[in-house]
């Protein structure tokens, strides 16, 4: 087996990654996706059994830079090559290349992801935190009668490709967030990041007013689906998003890899 480090994928490599991911999901259905936008890839290859054919991609580990010394990781191993130490070898290679980094792995809840959880446990990874994905279809945005009683001024701006939404009341900033809008065959999807309300205004309904002003405005611009992520420990934020119509559609448990007590998976 050879392990190759790459910081970008050629079209040929990308096809190999997609094919391997598809084979994994066919054998073990799970709410995972092919990580085509990783910052760093570790690829495990085996010689092809047929002469004159290129090596076979048997597993890969994709790393995403979250912070200076923290990666978020995604790993896939071909069903025929599981339980042969490939995941351990890829993680060891990543640890050798980046000895000062920590490695976090998101694991969706559900029986389909029990093998991944078992692999992480065998390597000594420990539970770190929980995060919810919340979604809302544009057709399900609730009405907000009190907006007319307390109107706010909504501004959506874009600077260097970054969209920002801000709400003002009486000339003062009441709430803000960043917007990431993408186009797909099914329409526009908007991901909301860092929804913030000034500390002095929290608990007074300004967050709800902001979202129930912003979401219809984005709907008028063609957005048909909204997404956001929130910490499982942030109960006030979860309550706010539910008031705005969002529902939890997926829960990710993050596990942090500790270099001690390694196994072989």
Protein backbone atom coordinates (compact mmCIF):
# COMPACT_ATOMS: atom_id res chain seq x y z
CA UNK A 1 0.00 0.00 0.00
CA UNK A 2 1.17 3.53 -0.77
CA UNK A 3 -0.17 6.75 0.78
CA UNK A 4 -0.13 9.94 -1.26
CA UNK A 5 -0.63 13.49 0.05
CA UNK A 6 -2.31 15.96 -2.30
CA UNK A 7 -3.60 19.49 -1.73
CA UNK A 8 -5.89 19.42 -4.78
CA UNK A 9 -7.53 16.76 -6.92
CA UNK A 10 -7.13 16.34 -10.65
CA UNK A 11 -10.22 15.39 -12.64
CA UNK A 12 -9.02 11.78 -12.66
CA UNK A 13 -8.50 11.80 -8.89
CA UNK A 14 -11.84 13.48 -8.34
CA UNK A 15 -13.58 10.73 -10.30
CA UNK A 16 -11.80 8.10 -8.20
CA UNK A 17 -12.92 9.82 -5.00
CA UNK A 18 -16.51 10.06 -6.25
CA UNK A 19 -16.55 6.41 -7.34
CA UNK A 20 -15.14 5.24 -4.02
CA UNK A 21 -17.65 7.32 -2.07
CA UNK A 22 -20.52 5.89 -4.15
CA UNK A 23 -19.35 2.33 -3.51
CA UNK A 24 -19.17 3.02 0.22
CA UNK A 25 -22.66 4.51 0.35
CA UNK A 26 -24.14 1.66 -1.67
CA UNK A 27 -22.73 -0.86 0.78
CA UNK A 28 -23.38 1.18 3.92
CA UNK A 29 -26.07 3.87 3.33
CA UNK A 30 -25.40 6.93 5.48
CA UNK A 31 -26.02 10.70 5.32
CA UNK A 32 -22.50 11.42 4.10
CA UNK A 33 -21.26 13.26 1.05
CA UNK A 34 -18.23 13.20 -1.19
CA UNK A 35 -15.78 15.81 0.18
CA UNK A 36 -14.70 17.47 -3.06
CA UNK A 37 -13.60 20.72 -1.40
CA UNK A 38 -11.06 19.38 1.09
CA UNK A 39 -7.90 21.40 1.75
CA UNK A 40 -5.66 18.31 2.02
CA UNK A 41 -6.11 14.69 0.91
CA UNK A 42 -4.35 11.51 1.96
CA UNK A 43 -4.98 8.76 -0.62
CA UNK A 44 -4.35 5.05 -0.04
CA UNK A 45 -3.58 3.00 -3.16
CA UNK A 46 -3.00 -0.67 -3.91
CA UNK A 47 -1.47 -2.16 -7.09
CA UNK A 48 -4.08 -3.24 -9.63
CA UNK A 49 -4.53 -7.03 -9.96
CA UNK A 50 -4.70 -6.65 -13.75
CA UNK A 51 -1.35 -5.82 -15.47
CA UNK A 52 -0.98 -2.42 -17.17
CA UNK A 53 -3.80 -0.88 -15.15
CA UNK A 54 -3.21 1.94 -12.72
CA UNK A 55 -3.29 1.52 -8.94
CA UNK A 56 -6.62 1.20 -7.13
CA UNK A 57 -7.82 3.89 -4.72
CA UNK A 58 -8.84 1.90 -1.64
CA UNK A 59 -9.35 4.67 0.93
CA UNK A 60 -8.91 8.39 1.44
CA UNK A 61 -8.86 10.94 4.22
CA UNK A 62 -9.92 14.53 3.48
CA UNK A 63 -8.90 17.36 5.82
CA UNK A 64 -10.57 20.77 6.13
CA UNK A 65 -8.81 23.60 7.96
CA UNK A 66 -11.09 24.83 10.76
CA UNK A 67 -8.58 26.70 12.90
CA UNK A 68 -4.82 27.12 12.98
CA UNK A 69 -4.22 23.70 14.57
CA UNK A 70 -7.53 21.96 13.99
CA UNK A 71 -8.77 19.90 11.04
CA UNK A 72 -12.23 18.57 10.33
CA UNK A 73 -11.86 15.16 8.74
CA UNK A 74 -13.83 12.90 6.43
CA UNK A 75 -12.75 9.36 5.59
CA UNK A 76 -13.98 6.64 3.24
CA UNK A 77 -12.68 3.07 2.83
CA UNK A 78 -13.73 0.70 0.03
CA UNK A 79 -16.07 -2.00 1.42
CA UNK A 80 -13.68 -4.77 0.28
CA UNK A 81 -10.78 -3.18 2.14
CA UNK A 82 -12.31 -2.51 5.52
CA UNK A 83 -10.83 -3.93 8.72
CA UNK A 84 -7.34 -3.90 7.17
CA UNK A 85 -5.85 -0.92 8.95
CA UNK A 86 -6.27 1.63 6.12
CA UNK A 87 -8.07 4.23 8.22
CA UNK A 88 -5.42 3.94 10.94
CA UNK A 89 -2.62 4.24 8.37
CA UNK A 90 -4.15 7.34 6.77
CA UNK A 91 -4.67 9.01 10.12
CA UNK A 92 -1.13 8.15 11.20
CA UNK A 93 0.20 9.68 7.98
CA UNK A 94 -1.81 12.84 8.62
CA UNK A 95 -0.56 13.00 12.20
CA UNK A 96 3.04 12.59 11.02
CA UNK A 97 2.63 15.37 8.45
CA UNK A 98 0.83 17.68 10.91
CA UNK A 99 2.06 16.71 14.40
CA UNK A 100 0.78 19.91 16.06
CA UNK A 101 -2.80 19.51 14.82
CA UNK A 102 -5.93 17.93 16.21
CA UNK A 103 -8.37 15.98 14.07
CA UNK A 104 -12.14 16.17 14.50
CA UNK A 105 -14.61 13.78 12.87
CA UNK A 106 -18.33 14.53 12.44
CA UNK A 107 -20.55 11.48 12.84
CA UNK A 108 -24.29 11.76 11.99
CA UNK A 109 -26.60 10.11 14.50
CA UNK A 110 -28.24 6.87 13.46
CA UNK A 111 -27.52 3.16 13.08
CA UNK A 112 -25.98 3.65 9.61
CA UNK A 113 -22.99 5.45 11.18
CA UNK A 114 -22.28 2.93 13.93
CA UNK A 115 -19.32 1.42 11.99
CA UNK A 116 -17.69 4.86 11.77
CA UNK A 117 -18.28 5.45 15.46
CA UNK A 118 -16.79 2.04 16.29
CA UNK A 119 -13.70 2.87 14.22
CA UNK A 120 -13.19 6.17 16.01
CA UNK A 121 -13.66 4.57 19.42
CA UNK A 122 -11.06 1.92 18.60
CA UNK A 123 -8.58 4.69 17.77
CA UNK A 124 -9.19 6.45 21.08
CA UNK A 125 -11.20 9.40 19.72
CA UNK A 126 -13.40 11.06 22.34
CA UNK A 127 -16.73 12.86 22.11
CA UNK A 128 -16.17 16.60 21.72
CA UNK A 129 -19.41 18.39 20.91
CA UNK A 130 -22.76 18.10 19.15
CA UNK A 131 -24.09 20.26 16.32
CA UNK A 132 -27.50 20.44 14.68
CA UNK A 133 -28.29 21.15 11.03
CA UNK A 134 -31.56 23.07 10.83
CA UNK A 135 -33.51 23.65 7.61
CA UNK A 136 -36.52 25.61 6.43
CA UNK A 137 -38.39 25.54 3.12
CA UNK A 138 -39.32 29.00 1.89
CA UNK A 139 -42.98 27.98 1.69
CA UNK A 140 -43.06 27.34 5.44
CA UNK A 141 -41.85 30.72 6.70
CA UNK A 142 -44.24 31.70 9.54
CA UNK A 143 -45.96 35.07 9.60
CA UNK A 144 -44.95 37.70 12.14
CA UNK A 145 -47.86 40.02 13.06
CA UNK A 146 -45.81 42.20 15.42
CA UNK A 147 -43.42 43.31 12.65
CA UNK A 148 -45.90 46.00 11.66
CA UNK A 149 -46.10 47.23 15.24
CA UNK A 150 -42.31 47.40 15.59
CA UNK A 151 -40.90 47.82 12.06
CA UNK A 152 -37.18 47.36 11.46
CA UNK A 153 -34.96 48.52 8.62
CA UNK A 154 -33.39 45.61 6.78
CA UNK A 155 -30.20 45.98 4.69
CA UNK A 156 -28.49 43.28 2.60
CA UNK A 157 -25.06 44.25 1.27
CA UNK A 158 -22.22 42.48 -0.52
CA UNK A 159 -18.51 43.26 -0.21
CA UNK A 160 -15.83 41.19 -1.95
CA UNK A 161 -18.35 38.40 -2.54
CA UNK A 162 -19.47 38.26 1.11
CA UNK A 163 -23.15 38.99 1.73
CA UNK A 164 -24.19 40.55 5.03
CA UNK A 165 -27.71 41.11 6.36
CA UNK A 166 -28.31 43.75 9.04
CA UNK A 167 -31.43 44.97 10.82
CA UNK A 168 -31.67 48.44 12.38
CA UNK A 169 -34.22 49.96 14.75
CA UNK A 170 -34.07 53.64 15.54
CA UNK A 171 -30.69 53.86 13.84
CA UNK A 172 -29.16 51.17 16.05
CA UNK A 173 -28.03 47.72 14.93
CA UNK A 174 -30.55 45.14 16.18
CA UNK A 175 -29.23 41.97 14.53
CA UNK A 176 -26.95 40.71 11.74
CA UNK A 177 -25.72 37.61 9.95
CA UNK A 178 -23.70 36.46 6.95
CA UNK A 179 -25.36 34.83 3.94
CA UNK A 180 -24.00 32.16 1.62
CA UNK A 181 -26.35 31.72 -1.35
CA UNK A 182 -25.77 28.92 -3.86
CA UNK A 183 -27.60 27.85 -7.01
CA UNK A 184 -28.65 24.27 -7.72
CA UNK A 185 -31.03 22.61 -10.21
CA UNK A 186 -33.70 22.75 -7.49
CA UNK A 187 -33.26 26.50 -6.92
CA UNK A 188 -31.34 28.79 -4.62
CA UNK A 189 -30.25 27.69 -1.16
CA UNK A 190 -29.16 30.16 1.52
CA UNK A 191 -26.96 29.19 4.44
CA UNK A 192 -27.05 31.61 7.39
CA UNK A 193 -23.85 32.08 9.41
CA UNK A 194 -23.22 33.86 12.70
CA UNK A 195 -26.68 35.19 13.50
CA UNK A 196 -25.89 37.83 16.14
CA UNK A 197 -28.00 40.09 18.35
CA UNK A 198 -26.27 42.70 20.55
CA UNK A 199 -26.10 41.47 24.13
CA UNK A 200 -28.21 44.36 25.43
CA UNK A 201 -31.07 43.38 23.09
CA UNK A 202 -31.09 39.64 23.64
CA UNK A 203 -34.23 37.99 24.98
CA UNK A 204 -36.44 40.81 23.66
CA UNK A 205 -37.55 39.29 20.36
CA UNK A 206 -35.15 41.14 18.07
CA UNK A 207 -33.68 37.94 16.71
CA UNK A 208 -37.12 36.68 15.73
CA UNK A 209 -38.03 40.03 14.14
CA UNK A 210 -34.78 39.98 12.20
CA UNK A 211 -35.19 36.47 10.80
CA UNK A 212 -38.88 36.89 9.97
CA UNK A 213 -38.01 40.05 8.04
CA UNK A 214 -34.94 38.58 6.35
CA UNK A 215 -36.33 35.23 5.24
CA UNK A 216 -39.29 36.62 3.21
CA UNK A 217 -36.95 39.19 1.61
CA UNK A 218 -34.62 36.40 0.50
CA UNK A 219 -37.58 34.36 -0.71
CA UNK A 220 -38.50 37.26 -3.00
CA UNK A 221 -34.97 36.99 -4.43
CA UNK A 222 -35.60 33.36 -5.38
CA UNK A 223 -34.26 31.50 -2.34
CA UNK A 224 -36.31 28.35 -1.82
CA UNK A 225 -34.44 26.69 1.07
CA UNK A 226 -32.58 27.91 4.15
CA UNK A 227 -29.89 26.16 6.19
CA UNK A 228 -27.97 26.89 9.36
CA UNK A 229 -25.87 25.04 11.90
CA UNK A 230 -26.06 25.51 15.65
CA UNK A 231 -24.32 24.01 18.66
CA UNK A 232 -26.38 21.44 20.51
CA UNK A 233 -25.59 23.33 23.73
CA UNK A 234 -26.91 26.68 22.45
CA UNK A 235 -30.50 26.23 23.58
CA UNK A 236 -31.52 29.92 23.23
CA UNK A 237 -30.38 29.95 19.59
CA UNK A 238 -32.19 26.68 18.85
CA UNK A 239 -35.38 28.14 20.35
CA UNK A 240 -34.97 31.29 18.23
CA UNK A 241 -34.55 29.33 15.01
CA UNK A 242 -37.57 27.17 15.78
CA UNK A 243 -39.67 30.32 16.23
CA UNK A 244 -38.53 31.34 12.75
CA UNK A 245 -39.71 28.00 11.34
CA UNK A 246 -36.46 26.02 11.25
CA UNK A 247 -36.47 22.35 12.20
CA UNK A 248 -33.58 20.07 13.18
CA UNK A 249 -32.99 17.72 10.25
CA UNK A 250 -29.62 16.22 11.17
CA UNK A 251 -27.46 15.99 14.27
CA UNK A 252 -23.70 15.59 14.07
CA UNK A 253 -21.61 14.39 16.99
CA UNK A 254 -17.99 15.51 16.70
CA UNK A 255 -15.20 13.27 17.99
CA UNK A 256 -11.69 14.57 18.63
CA UNK A 257 -8.80 12.27 17.84
CA UNK A 258 -6.21 11.79 20.59
CA UNK A 259 -2.83 10.53 19.39
CA UNK A 260 -2.59 8.10 22.31
CA UNK A 261 -4.00 4.58 22.38
CA UNK A 262 -4.12 3.78 18.66
CA UNK A 263 -5.83 0.75 17.23
CA UNK A 264 -6.00 -0.62 13.70
CA UNK A 265 -9.19 -0.37 11.63
